[in-house]
């Protein structure tokens, strides 16, 4: 059973990565698992949520814009980003400040 990420009280930041995959794996699954593990080791990382059907949605949560920038510039992450043309037909990255949150039921 999957669970939703638990985050600290706002404010914090979310990086929303939405994507449409290309055909074939081409090393994607192994790299995606490695990037998820590597992200958890980064200063300022708060958690992640993801879902994939036709459209993939991956949301990572961060304590600051500086933490997001450091993750973006991580060498191993940059190498994975360079493979994006092979793995994705299209993608969008959105960076948001979370001001408020609530949960249910």
PDB file of N, CA and C in Angstrom:
ATOM      1  N   UNK A   1       0.840  -1.180   0.000  1.00  0.00           N
ATOM      2  CA  UNK A   1       0.000   0.000   0.000  1.00  0.00           C
ATOM      3  C   UNK A   1       0.885   1.244   0.000  1.00  0.00           C
ATOM      4  N   UNK A   2       0.548   2.194  -0.799  1.00  0.00           N
ATOM      5  CA  UNK A   2       1.281   3.452  -0.871  1.00  0.00           C
ATOM      6  C   UNK A   2       0.815   4.384   0.235  1.00  0.00           C
ATOM      7  N   UNK A   3       1.675   5.318   0.578  1.00  0.00           N
ATOM      8  CA  UNK A   3       1.290   6.330   1.548  1.00  0.00           C
ATOM      9  C   UNK A   3       1.671   7.694   1.008  1.00  0.00           C
ATOM     10  N   UNK A   4       1.031   8.698   1.530  1.00  0.00           N
ATOM     11  CA  UNK A   4       1.331  10.065   1.139  1.00  0.00           C
ATOM     12  C   UNK A   4       2.452  10.598   2.015  1.00  0.00           C
ATOM     13  N   UNK A   5       3.253  11.455   1.435  1.00  0.00           N
ATOM     14  CA  UNK A   5       4.376  12.064   2.140  1.00  0.00           C
ATOM     15  C   UNK A   5       3.864  12.963   3.269  1.00  0.00           C
ATOM     16  N   UNK A   6       4.546  12.928   4.382  1.00  0.00           N
ATOM     17  CA  UNK A   6       4.256  13.829   5.492  1.00  0.00           C
ATOM     18  C   UNK A   6       5.289  14.951   5.471  1.00  0.00           C
ATOM     19  N   UNK A   7       4.827  16.167   5.460  1.00  0.00           N
ATOM     20  CA  UNK A   7       5.713  17.327   5.402  1.00  0.00           C
ATOM     21  C   UNK A   7       5.556  18.159   6.670  1.00  0.00           C
ATOM     22  N   UNK A   8       6.544  19.010   6.942  1.00  0.00           N
ATOM     23  CA  UNK A   8       6.417  19.889   8.105  1.00  0.00           C
ATOM     24  C   UNK A   8       5.389  20.980   7.828  1.00  0.00           C
ATOM     25  N   UNK A   9       5.035  21.752   8.837  1.00  0.00           N
ATOM     26  CA  UNK A   9       4.114  22.871   8.604  1.00  0.00           C
ATOM     27  C   UNK A   9       4.702  23.840   7.570  1.00  0.00           C
ATOM     28  N   UNK A  10       3.849  24.402   6.691  1.00  0.00           N
ATOM     29  CA  UNK A  10       4.325  25.389   5.725  1.00  0.00           C
ATOM     30  C   UNK A  10       4.861  26.622   6.439  1.00  0.00           C
ATOM     31  N   UNK A  11       5.656  27.421   5.750  1.00  0.00           N
ATOM     32  CA  UNK A  11       5.952  27.332   4.326  1.00  0.00           C
ATOM     33  C   UNK A  11       7.132  26.395   4.031  1.00  0.00           C
ATOM     34  N   UNK A  12       7.088  25.822   2.848  1.00  0.00           N
ATOM     35  CA  UNK A  12       8.175  25.047   2.268  1.00  0.00           C
ATOM     36  C   UNK A  12       7.960  25.077   0.765  1.00  0.00           C
ATOM     37  N   UNK A  13       8.763  24.390   0.013  1.00  0.00           N
ATOM     38  CA  UNK A  13       8.700  24.456  -1.447  1.00  0.00           C
ATOM     39  C   UNK A  13       8.413  23.089  -2.045  1.00  0.00           C
ATOM     40  N   UNK A  14       7.770  23.091  -3.192  1.00  0.00           N
ATOM     41  CA  UNK A  14       7.485  21.870  -3.934  1.00  0.00           C
ATOM     42  C   UNK A  14       8.016  22.034  -5.356  1.00  0.00           C
ATOM     43  N   UNK A  15       8.687  21.009  -5.837  1.00  0.00           N
ATOM     44  CA  UNK A  15       9.085  20.931  -7.237  1.00  0.00           C
ATOM     45  C   UNK A  15       8.180  19.881  -7.868  1.00  0.00           C
ATOM     46  N   UNK A  16       7.385  20.304  -8.844  1.00  0.00           N
ATOM     47  CA  UNK A  16       6.433  19.420  -9.507  1.00  0.00           C
ATOM     48  C   UNK A  16       6.973  19.106 -10.897  1.00  0.00           C
ATOM     49  N   UNK A  17       7.266  17.827 -11.126  1.00  0.00           N
ATOM     50  CA  UNK A  17       7.801  17.367 -12.406  1.00  0.00           C
ATOM     51  C   UNK A  17       6.728  16.500 -13.052  1.00  0.00           C
ATOM     52  N   UNK A  18       6.139  16.995 -14.149  1.00  0.00           N
ATOM     53  CA  UNK A  18       5.152  16.220 -14.889  1.00  0.00           C
ATOM     54  C   UNK A  18       5.784  15.801 -16.204  1.00  0.00           C
ATOM     55  N   UNK A  19       5.445  14.587 -16.663  1.00  0.00           N
ATOM     56  CA  UNK A  19       6.130  14.076 -17.844  1.00  0.00           C
ATOM     57  C   UNK A  19       5.290  13.086 -18.633  1.00  0.00           C
ATOM     58  N   UNK A  20       5.650  12.968 -19.897  1.00  0.00           N
ATOM     59  CA  UNK A  20       5.158  11.925 -20.784  1.00  0.00           C
ATOM     60  C   UNK A  20       6.375  11.125 -21.212  1.00  0.00           C
ATOM     61  N   UNK A  21       6.377   9.833 -20.940  1.00  0.00           N
ATOM     62  CA  UNK A  21       7.516   8.969 -21.224  1.00  0.00           C
ATOM     63  C   UNK A  21       7.634   8.636 -22.711  1.00  0.00           C
ATOM     64  N   UNK A  22       8.856   8.397 -23.142  1.00  0.00           N
ATOM     65  CA  UNK A  22       9.145   7.854 -24.462  1.00  0.00           C
ATOM     66  C   UNK A  22       8.997   6.336 -24.384  1.00  0.00           C
ATOM     67  N   UNK A  23       9.036   5.681 -25.524  1.00  0.00           N
ATOM     68  CA  UNK A  23       8.957   4.220 -25.564  1.00  0.00           C
ATOM     69  C   UNK A  23      10.236   3.601 -25.014  1.00  0.00           C
ATOM     70  N   UNK A  24      10.113   2.457 -24.368  1.00  0.00           N
ATOM     71  CA  UNK A  24      11.269   1.717 -23.876  1.00  0.00           C
ATOM     72  C   UNK A  24      11.790   2.252 -22.560  1.00  0.00           C
ATOM     73  N   UNK A  25      12.519   1.396 -21.850  1.00  0.00           N
ATOM     74  CA  UNK A  25      13.055   1.776 -20.545  1.00  0.00           C
ATOM     75  C   UNK A  25      14.350   2.558 -20.674  1.00  0.00           C
ATOM     76  N   UNK A  26      15.282   2.076 -21.488  1.00  0.00           N
ATOM     77  CA  UNK A  26      16.563   2.756 -21.724  1.00  0.00           C
ATOM     78  C   UNK A  26      17.275   3.164 -20.441  1.00  0.00           C
ATOM     79  N   UNK A  27      17.176   2.322 -19.409  1.00  0.00           N
ATOM     80  CA  UNK A  27      17.827   2.613 -18.138  1.00  0.00           C
ATOM     81  C   UNK A  27      17.051   3.538 -17.223  1.00  0.00           C
ATOM     82  N   UNK A  28      15.853   3.909 -17.619  1.00  0.00           N
ATOM     83  CA  UNK A  28      15.055   4.873 -16.856  1.00  0.00           C
ATOM     84  C   UNK A  28      14.758   4.398 -15.431  1.00  0.00           C
ATOM     85  N   UNK A  29      14.235   3.181 -15.299  1.00  0.00           N
ATOM     86  CA  UNK A  29      13.775   2.707 -13.988  1.00  0.00           C
ATOM     87  C   UNK A  29      14.906   2.696 -12.974  1.00  0.00           C
ATOM     88  N   UNK A  30      16.062   2.176 -13.346  1.00  0.00           N
ATOM     89  CA  UNK A  30      17.196   2.139 -12.420  1.00  0.00           C
ATOM     90  C   UNK A  30      17.626   3.550 -12.026  1.00  0.00           C
ATOM     91  N   UNK A  31      17.668   4.449 -13.011  1.00  0.00           N
ATOM     92  CA  UNK A  31      18.086   5.820 -12.726  1.00  0.00           C
ATOM     93  C   UNK A  31      17.054   6.534 -11.863  1.00  0.00           C
ATOM     94  N   UNK A  32      15.768   6.333 -12.141  1.00  0.00           N
ATOM     95  CA  UNK A  32      14.717   6.972 -11.344  1.00  0.00           C
ATOM     96  C   UNK A  32      14.805   6.524  -9.887  1.00  0.00           C
ATOM     97  N   UNK A  33      15.044   5.246  -9.662  1.00  0.00           N
ATOM     98  CA  UNK A  33      15.174   4.740  -8.293  1.00  0.00           C
ATOM     99  C   UNK A  33      16.413   5.330  -7.625  1.00  0.00           C
ATOM    100  N   UNK A  34      17.512   5.447  -8.354  1.00  0.00           N
ATOM    101  CA  UNK A  34      18.735   6.027  -7.804  1.00  0.00           C
ATOM    102  C   UNK A  34      18.528   7.499  -7.458  1.00  0.00           C
ATOM    103  N   UNK A  35      17.847   8.253  -8.337  1.00  0.00           N
ATOM    104  CA  UNK A  35      17.623   9.678  -8.081  1.00  0.00           C
ATOM    105  C   UNK A  35      16.722   9.875  -6.866  1.00  0.00           C
ATOM    106  N   UNK A  36      15.721   9.020  -6.697  1.00  0.00           N
ATOM    107  CA  UNK A  36      14.846   9.122  -5.526  1.00  0.00           C
ATOM    108  C   UNK A  36      15.650   8.875  -4.253  1.00  0.00           C
ATOM    109  N   UNK A  37      16.521   7.877  -4.276  1.00  0.00           N
ATOM    110  CA  UNK A  37      17.355   7.597  -3.101  1.00  0.00           C
ATOM    111  C   UNK A  37      18.345   8.733  -2.843  1.00  0.00           C
ATOM    112  N   UNK A  38      18.953   9.246  -3.905  1.00  0.00           N
ATOM    113  CA  UNK A  38      19.926  10.322  -3.772  1.00  0.00           C
ATOM    114  C   UNK A  38      19.274  11.600  -3.240  1.00  0.00           C
ATOM    115  N   UNK A  39      18.065  11.888  -3.695  1.00  0.00           N
ATOM    116  CA  UNK A  39      17.361  13.091  -3.233  1.00  0.00           C
ATOM    117  C   UNK A  39      17.163  13.061  -1.722  1.00  0.00           C
ATOM    118  N   UNK A  40      16.869  11.879  -1.177  1.00  0.00           N
ATOM    119  CA  UNK A  40      16.627  11.785   0.265  1.00  0.00           C
ATOM    120  C   UNK A  40      17.862  12.130   1.083  1.00  0.00           C
ATOM    121  N   UNK A  41      19.038  12.079   0.476  1.00  0.00           N
ATOM    122  CA  UNK A  41      20.295  12.383   1.164  1.00  0.00           C
ATOM    123  C   UNK A  41      20.659  13.866   1.109  1.00  0.00           C
ATOM    124  N   UNK A  42      19.903  14.653   0.344  1.00  0.00           N
ATOM    125  CA  UNK A  42      20.248  16.059   0.135  1.00  0.00           C
ATOM    126  C   UNK A  42      19.769  16.934   1.287  1.00  0.00           C
ATOM    127  N   UNK A  43      20.604  17.885   1.718  1.00  0.00           N
ATOM    128  CA  UNK A  43      20.160  18.834   2.748  1.00  0.00           C
ATOM    129  C   UNK A  43      18.915  19.596   2.274  1.00  0.00           C
ATOM    130  N   UNK A  44      17.940  19.709   3.149  1.00  0.00           N
ATOM    131  CA  UNK A  44      16.722  20.443   2.823  1.00  0.00           C
ATOM    132  C   UNK A  44      15.636  19.599   2.188  1.00  0.00           C
ATOM    133  N   UNK A  45      15.905  18.330   1.884  1.00  0.00           N
ATOM    134  CA  UNK A  45      14.888  17.453   1.306  1.00  0.00           C
ATOM    135  C   UNK A  45      13.874  17.094   2.380  1.00  0.00           C
ATOM    136  N   UNK A  46      12.574  17.211   2.051  1.00  0.00           N
ATOM    137  CA  UNK A  46      11.508  16.950   3.020  1.00  0.00           C
ATOM    138  C   UNK A  46      10.687  15.710   2.703  1.00  0.00           C
ATOM    139  N   UNK A  47      10.653  15.296   1.437  1.00  0.00           N
ATOM    140  CA  UNK A  47       9.863  14.127   1.057  1.00  0.00           C
ATOM    141  C   UNK A  47       9.454  14.186  -0.394  1.00  0.00           C
ATOM    142  N   UNK A  48       8.669  13.167  -0.819  1.00  0.00           N
ATOM    143  CA  UNK A  48       8.231  13.106  -2.214  1.00  0.00           C
ATOM    144  C   UNK A  48       6.940  12.314  -2.334  1.00  0.00           C
ATOM    145  N   UNK A  49       6.195  12.619  -3.381  1.00  0.00           N
ATOM    146  CA  UNK A  49       5.006  11.879  -3.797  1.00  0.00           C
ATOM    147  C   UNK A  49       5.117  11.666  -5.301  1.00  0.00           C
ATOM    148  N   UNK A  50       4.609  10.540  -5.793  1.00  0.00           N
ATOM    149  CA  UNK A  50       4.640  10.326  -7.242  1.00  0.00           C
ATOM    150  C   UNK A  50       3.500   9.427  -7.685  1.00  0.00           C
ATOM    151  N   UNK A  51       3.157   9.560  -8.960  1.00  0.00           N
ATOM    152  CA  UNK A  51       2.145   8.723  -9.596  1.00  0.00           C
ATOM    153  C   UNK A  51       2.456   8.676 -11.088  1.00  0.00           C
ATOM    154  N   UNK A  52       2.146   7.545 -11.707  1.00  0.00           N
ATOM    155  CA  UNK A  52       2.361   7.441 -13.151  1.00  0.00           C
ATOM    156  C   UNK A  52       1.260   6.597 -13.759  1.00  0.00           C
ATOM    157  N   UNK A  53       0.618   7.169 -14.722  1.00  0.00           N
ATOM    158  CA  UNK A  53      -0.240   6.459 -15.658  1.00  0.00           C
ATOM    159  C   UNK A  53       0.327   6.867 -17.001  1.00  0.00           C
ATOM    160  N   UNK A  54      -0.477   7.496 -17.855  1.00  0.00           N
ATOM    161  CA  UNK A  54       0.095   8.053 -19.088  1.00  0.00           C
ATOM    162  C   UNK A  54       0.960   9.259 -18.753  1.00  0.00           C
ATOM    163  N   UNK A  55       0.456  10.102 -17.857  1.00  0.00           N
ATOM    164  CA  UNK A  55       1.217  11.250 -17.387  1.00  0.00           C
ATOM    165  C   UNK A  55       1.852  10.904 -16.050  1.00  0.00           C
ATOM    166  N   UNK A  56       3.144  11.175 -15.928  1.00  0.00           N
ATOM    167  CA  UNK A  56       3.831  10.969 -14.661  1.00  0.00           C
ATOM    168  C   UNK A  56       3.846  12.267 -13.879  1.00  0.00           C
ATOM    169  N   UNK A  57       3.645  12.160 -12.585  1.00  0.00           N
ATOM    170  CA  UNK A  57       3.704  13.323 -11.701  1.00  0.00           C
ATOM    171  C   UNK A  57       4.613  12.965 -10.537  1.00  0.00           C
ATOM    172  N   UNK A  58       5.669  13.731 -10.374  1.00  0.00           N
ATOM    173  CA  UNK A  58       6.604  13.526  -9.276  1.00  0.00           C
ATOM    174  C   UNK A  58       6.743  14.862  -8.563  1.00  0.00           C
ATOM    175  N   UNK A  59       6.444  14.874  -7.274  1.00  0.00           N
ATOM    176  CA  UNK A  59       6.532  16.093  -6.481  1.00  0.00           C
ATOM    177  C   UNK A  59       7.552  15.862  -5.371  1.00  0.00           C
ATOM    178  N   UNK A  60       8.572  16.701  -5.332  1.00  0.00           N
ATOM    179  CA  UNK A  60       9.526  16.652  -4.227  1.00  0.00           C
ATOM    180  C   UNK A  60       9.370  17.923  -3.406  1.00  0.00           C
ATOM    181  N   UNK A  61       9.565  17.787  -2.100  1.00  0.00           N
ATOM    182  CA  UNK A  61       9.352  18.889  -1.172  1.00  0.00           C
ATOM    183  C   UNK A  61      10.692  19.286  -0.557  1.00  0.00           C
ATOM    184  N   UNK A  62      10.907  20.603  -0.442  1.00  0.00           N
ATOM    185  CA  UNK A  62      12.206  21.137  -0.018  1.00  0.00           C
ATOM    186  C   UNK A  62      12.012  22.275   0.969  1.00  0.00           C
ATOM    187  N   UNK A  63      13.007  22.446   1.817  1.00  0.00           N
ATOM    188  CA  UNK A  63      12.930  23.482   2.848  1.00  0.00           C
ATOM    189  C   UNK A  63      13.167  24.886   2.305  1.00  0.00           C
ATOM    190  N   UNK A  64      13.888  25.007   1.170  1.00  0.00           N
ATOM    191  CA  UNK A  64      14.246  26.338   0.658  1.00  0.00           C
ATOM    192  C   UNK A  64      14.534  26.285  -0.840  1.00  0.00           C
ATOM    193  N   UNK A  65      14.547  27.456  -1.437  1.00  0.00           N
ATOM    194  CA  UNK A  65      14.945  27.553  -2.849  1.00  0.00           C
ATOM    195  C   UNK A  65      16.419  27.179  -3.025  1.00  0.00           C
ATOM    196  N   UNK A  66      17.230  27.473  -2.023  1.00  0.00           N
ATOM    197  CA  UNK A  66      18.657  27.128  -2.089  1.00  0.00           C
ATOM    198  C   UNK A  66      18.847  25.606  -2.107  1.00  0.00           C
ATOM    199  N   UNK A  67      18.034  24.892  -1.342  1.00  0.00           N
ATOM    200  CA  UNK A  67      18.104  23.426  -1.337  1.00  0.00           C
ATOM    201  C   UNK A  67      17.701  22.865  -2.699  1.00  0.00           C
ATOM    202  N   UNK A  68      16.689  23.468  -3.319  1.00  0.00           N
ATOM    203  CA  UNK A  68      16.271  23.040  -4.663  1.00  0.00           C
ATOM    204  C   UNK A  68      17.393  23.284  -5.657  1.00  0.00           C
ATOM    205  N   UNK A  69      18.018  24.440  -5.591  1.00  0.00           N
ATOM    206  CA  UNK A  69      19.118  24.771  -6.501  1.00  0.00           C
ATOM    207  C   UNK A  69      20.291  23.802  -6.323  1.00  0.00           C
ATOM    208  N   UNK A  70      20.611  23.464  -5.071  1.00  0.00           N
ATOM    209  CA  UNK A  70      21.702  22.527  -4.815  1.00  0.00           C
ATOM    210  C   UNK A  70      21.377  21.153  -5.403  1.00  0.00           C
ATOM    211  N   UNK A  71      20.140  20.715  -5.278  1.00  0.00           N
ATOM    212  CA  UNK A  71      19.723  19.441  -5.870  1.00  0.00           C
ATOM    213  C   UNK A  71      19.802  19.505  -7.390  1.00  0.00           C
ATOM    214  N   UNK A  72      19.333  20.595  -7.955  1.00  0.00           N
ATOM    215  CA  UNK A  72      19.394  20.762  -9.413  1.00  0.00           C
ATOM    216  C   UNK A  72      20.830  20.671  -9.905  1.00  0.00           C
ATOM    217  N   UNK A  73      21.772  21.177  -9.119  1.00  0.00           N
ATOM    218  CA  UNK A  73      23.177  21.215  -9.523  1.00  0.00           C
ATOM    219  C   UNK A  73      23.982  19.992  -9.078  1.00  0.00           C
ATOM    220  N   UNK A  74      23.371  19.050  -8.373  1.00  0.00           N
ATOM    221  CA  UNK A  74      24.062  17.841  -7.966  1.00  0.00           C
ATOM    222  C   UNK A  74      24.581  17.124  -9.221  1.00  0.00           C
ATOM    223  N   UNK A  75      25.857  16.751  -9.232  1.00  0.00           N
ATOM    224  CA  UNK A  75      26.493  16.187 -10.430  1.00  0.00           C
ATOM    225  C   UNK A  75      25.771  14.948 -10.945  1.00  0.00           C
ATOM    226  N   UNK A  76      25.469  14.014 -10.072  1.00  0.00           N
ATOM    227  CA  UNK A  76      24.790  12.792 -10.515  1.00  0.00           C
ATOM    228  C   UNK A  76      23.386  13.096 -11.039  1.00  0.00           C
ATOM    229  N   UNK A  77      22.700  14.054 -10.403  1.00  0.00           N
ATOM    230  CA  UNK A  77      21.379  14.474 -10.877  1.00  0.00           C
ATOM    231  C   UNK A  77      21.493  15.145 -12.241  1.00  0.00           C
ATOM    232  N   UNK A  78      22.513  15.978 -12.437  1.00  0.00           N
ATOM    233  CA  UNK A  78      22.722  16.640 -13.740  1.00  0.00           C
ATOM    234  C   UNK A  78      22.953  15.602 -14.838  1.00  0.00           C
ATOM    235  N   UNK A  79      23.702  14.556 -14.517  1.00  0.00           N
ATOM    236  CA  UNK A  79      23.942  13.499 -15.505  1.00  0.00           C
ATOM    237  C   UNK A  79      22.636  12.800 -15.866  1.00  0.00           C
ATOM    238  N   UNK A  80      21.782  12.562 -14.893  1.00  0.00           N
ATOM    239  CA  UNK A  80      20.475  11.957 -15.167  1.00  0.00           C
ATOM    240  C   UNK A  80      19.608  12.906 -15.995  1.00  0.00           C
ATOM    241  N   UNK A  81      19.650  14.203 -15.668  1.00  0.00           N
ATOM    242  CA  UNK A  81      18.866  15.187 -16.434  1.00  0.00           C
ATOM    243  C   UNK A  81      19.257  15.170 -17.912  1.00  0.00           C
ATOM    244  N   UNK A  82      20.527  14.940 -18.194  1.00  0.00           N
ATOM    245  CA  UNK A  82      21.004  14.928 -19.575  1.00  0.00           C
ATOM    246  C   UNK A  82      20.370  13.786 -20.381  1.00  0.00           C
ATOM    247  N   UNK A  83      19.884  12.767 -19.688  1.00  0.00           N
ATOM    248  CA  UNK A  83      19.237  11.640 -20.370  1.00  0.00           C
ATOM    249  C   UNK A  83      17.768  11.922 -20.687  1.00  0.00           C
ATOM    250  N   UNK A  84      17.244  13.056 -20.249  1.00  0.00           N
ATOM    251  CA  UNK A  84      15.830  13.378 -20.411  1.00  0.00           C
ATOM    252  C   UNK A  84      15.311  13.263 -21.826  1.00  0.00           C
ATOM    253  N   UNK A  85      16.109  13.634 -22.806  1.00  0.00           N
ATOM    254  CA  UNK A  85      15.663  13.556 -24.205  1.00  0.00           C
ATOM    255  C   UNK A  85      15.414  12.111 -24.627  1.00  0.00           C
ATOM    256  N   UNK A  86      16.104  11.178 -23.994  1.00  0.00           N
ATOM    257  CA  UNK A  86      15.933   9.765 -24.282  1.00  0.00           C
ATOM    258  C   UNK A  86      14.682   9.207 -23.600  1.00  0.00           C
ATOM    259  N   UNK A  87      14.376   9.683 -22.389  1.00  0.00           N
ATOM    260  CA  UNK A  87      13.312   9.105 -21.570  1.00  0.00           C
ATOM    261  C   UNK A  87      11.955   9.783 -21.707  1.00  0.00           C
ATOM    262  N   UNK A  88      11.924  11.047 -22.133  1.00  0.00           N
ATOM    263  CA  UNK A  88      10.665  11.797 -22.119  1.00  0.00           C
ATOM    264  C   UNK A  88      10.310  12.364 -23.484  1.00  0.00           C
ATOM    265  N   UNK A  89       9.013  12.249 -23.825  1.00  0.00           N
ATOM    266  CA  UNK A  89       8.492  12.947 -25.005  1.00  0.00           C
ATOM    267  C   UNK A  89       8.279  14.417 -24.676  1.00  0.00           C
ATOM    268  N   UNK A  90       7.919  14.675 -23.417  1.00  0.00           N
ATOM    269  CA  UNK A  90       7.697  16.051 -22.956  1.00  0.00           C
ATOM    270  C   UNK A  90       7.739  16.057 -21.433  1.00  0.00           C
ATOM    271  N   UNK A  91       8.155  17.195 -20.873  1.00  0.00           N
ATOM    272  CA  UNK A  91       8.110  17.353 -19.421  1.00  0.00           C
ATOM    273  C   UNK A  91       8.013  18.827 -19.071  1.00  0.00           C
ATOM    274  N   UNK A  92       7.537  19.071 -17.860  1.00  0.00           N
ATOM    275  CA  UNK A  92       7.459  20.422 -17.316  1.00  0.00           C
ATOM    276  C   UNK A  92       7.881  20.370 -15.856  1.00  0.00           C
ATOM    277  N   UNK A  93       8.651  21.367 -15.442  1.00  0.00           N
ATOM    278  CA  UNK A  93       9.055  21.505 -14.047  1.00  0.00           C
ATOM    279  C   UNK A  93       8.439  22.800 -13.514  1.00  0.00           C
ATOM    280  N   UNK A  94       7.781  22.690 -12.377  1.00  0.00           N
ATOM    281  CA  UNK A  94       7.199  23.857 -11.723  1.00  0.00           C
ATOM    282  C   UNK A  94       7.730  23.916 -10.292  1.00  0.00           C
ATOM    283  N   UNK A  95       8.119  25.092  -9.852  1.00  0.00           N
ATOM    284  CA  UNK A  95       8.601  25.279  -8.494  1.00  0.00           C
ATOM    285  C   UNK A  95       7.620  26.201  -7.780  1.00  0.00           C
ATOM    286  N   UNK A  96       7.109  25.737  -6.655  1.00  0.00           N
ATOM    287  CA  UNK A  96       6.042  26.447  -5.952  1.00  0.00           C
ATOM    288  C   UNK A  96       6.373  26.592  -4.469  1.00  0.00           C
ATOM    289  N   UNK A  97       5.915  27.647  -3.885  1.00  0.00           N
ATOM    290  CA  UNK A  97       6.000  27.813  -2.432  1.00  0.00           C
ATOM    291  C   UNK A  97       4.666  27.343  -1.849  1.00  0.00           C
ATOM    292  N   UNK A  98       4.712  26.413  -0.927  1.00  0.00           N
ATOM    293  CA  UNK A  98       3.531  25.915  -0.266  1.00  0.00           C
ATOM    294  C   UNK A  98       3.233  26.822   0.915  1.00  0.00           C
ATOM    295  N   UNK A  99       2.097  27.467   0.857  1.00  0.00           N
ATOM    296  CA  UNK A  99       1.704  28.411   1.903  1.00  0.00           C
ATOM    297  C   UNK A  99       0.767  27.780   2.930  1.00  0.00           C
ATOM    298  N   UNK A 100       0.001  26.785   2.465  1.00  0.00           N
ATOM    299  CA  UNK A 100      -1.016  26.193   3.316  1.00  0.00           C
ATOM    300  C   UNK A 100      -1.214  24.747   2.875  1.00  0.00           C
ATOM    301  N   UNK A 101      -1.556  23.886   3.815  1.00  0.00           N
ATOM    302  CA  UNK A 101      -1.905  22.516   3.464  1.00  0.00           C
ATOM    303  C   UNK A 101      -2.947  21.999   4.431  1.00  0.00           C
ATOM    304  N   UNK A 102      -3.728  21.030   3.992  1.00  0.00           N
ATOM    305  CA  UNK A 102      -4.668  20.348   4.855  1.00  0.00           C
ATOM    306  C   UNK A 102      -4.866  18.960   4.292  1.00  0.00           C
ATOM    307  N   UNK A 103      -5.312  18.052   5.131  1.00  0.00           N
ATOM    308  CA  UNK A 103      -5.453  16.644   4.754  1.00  0.00           C
ATOM    309  C   UNK A 103      -6.806  16.123   5.201  1.00  0.00           C
ATOM    310  N   UNK A 104      -7.157  14.977   4.694  1.00  0.00           N
ATOM    311  CA  UNK A 104      -8.411  14.350   5.080  1.00  0.00           C
ATOM    312  C   UNK A 104      -8.270  12.850   5.024  1.00  0.00           C
ATOM    313  N   UNK A 105      -9.237  12.079   5.307  1.00  0.00           N
ATOM    314  CA  UNK A 105     -10.614  12.492   5.579  1.00  0.00           C
ATOM    315  C   UNK A 105     -10.792  13.112   6.921  1.00  0.00           C
TER     316      UNK A 105
END
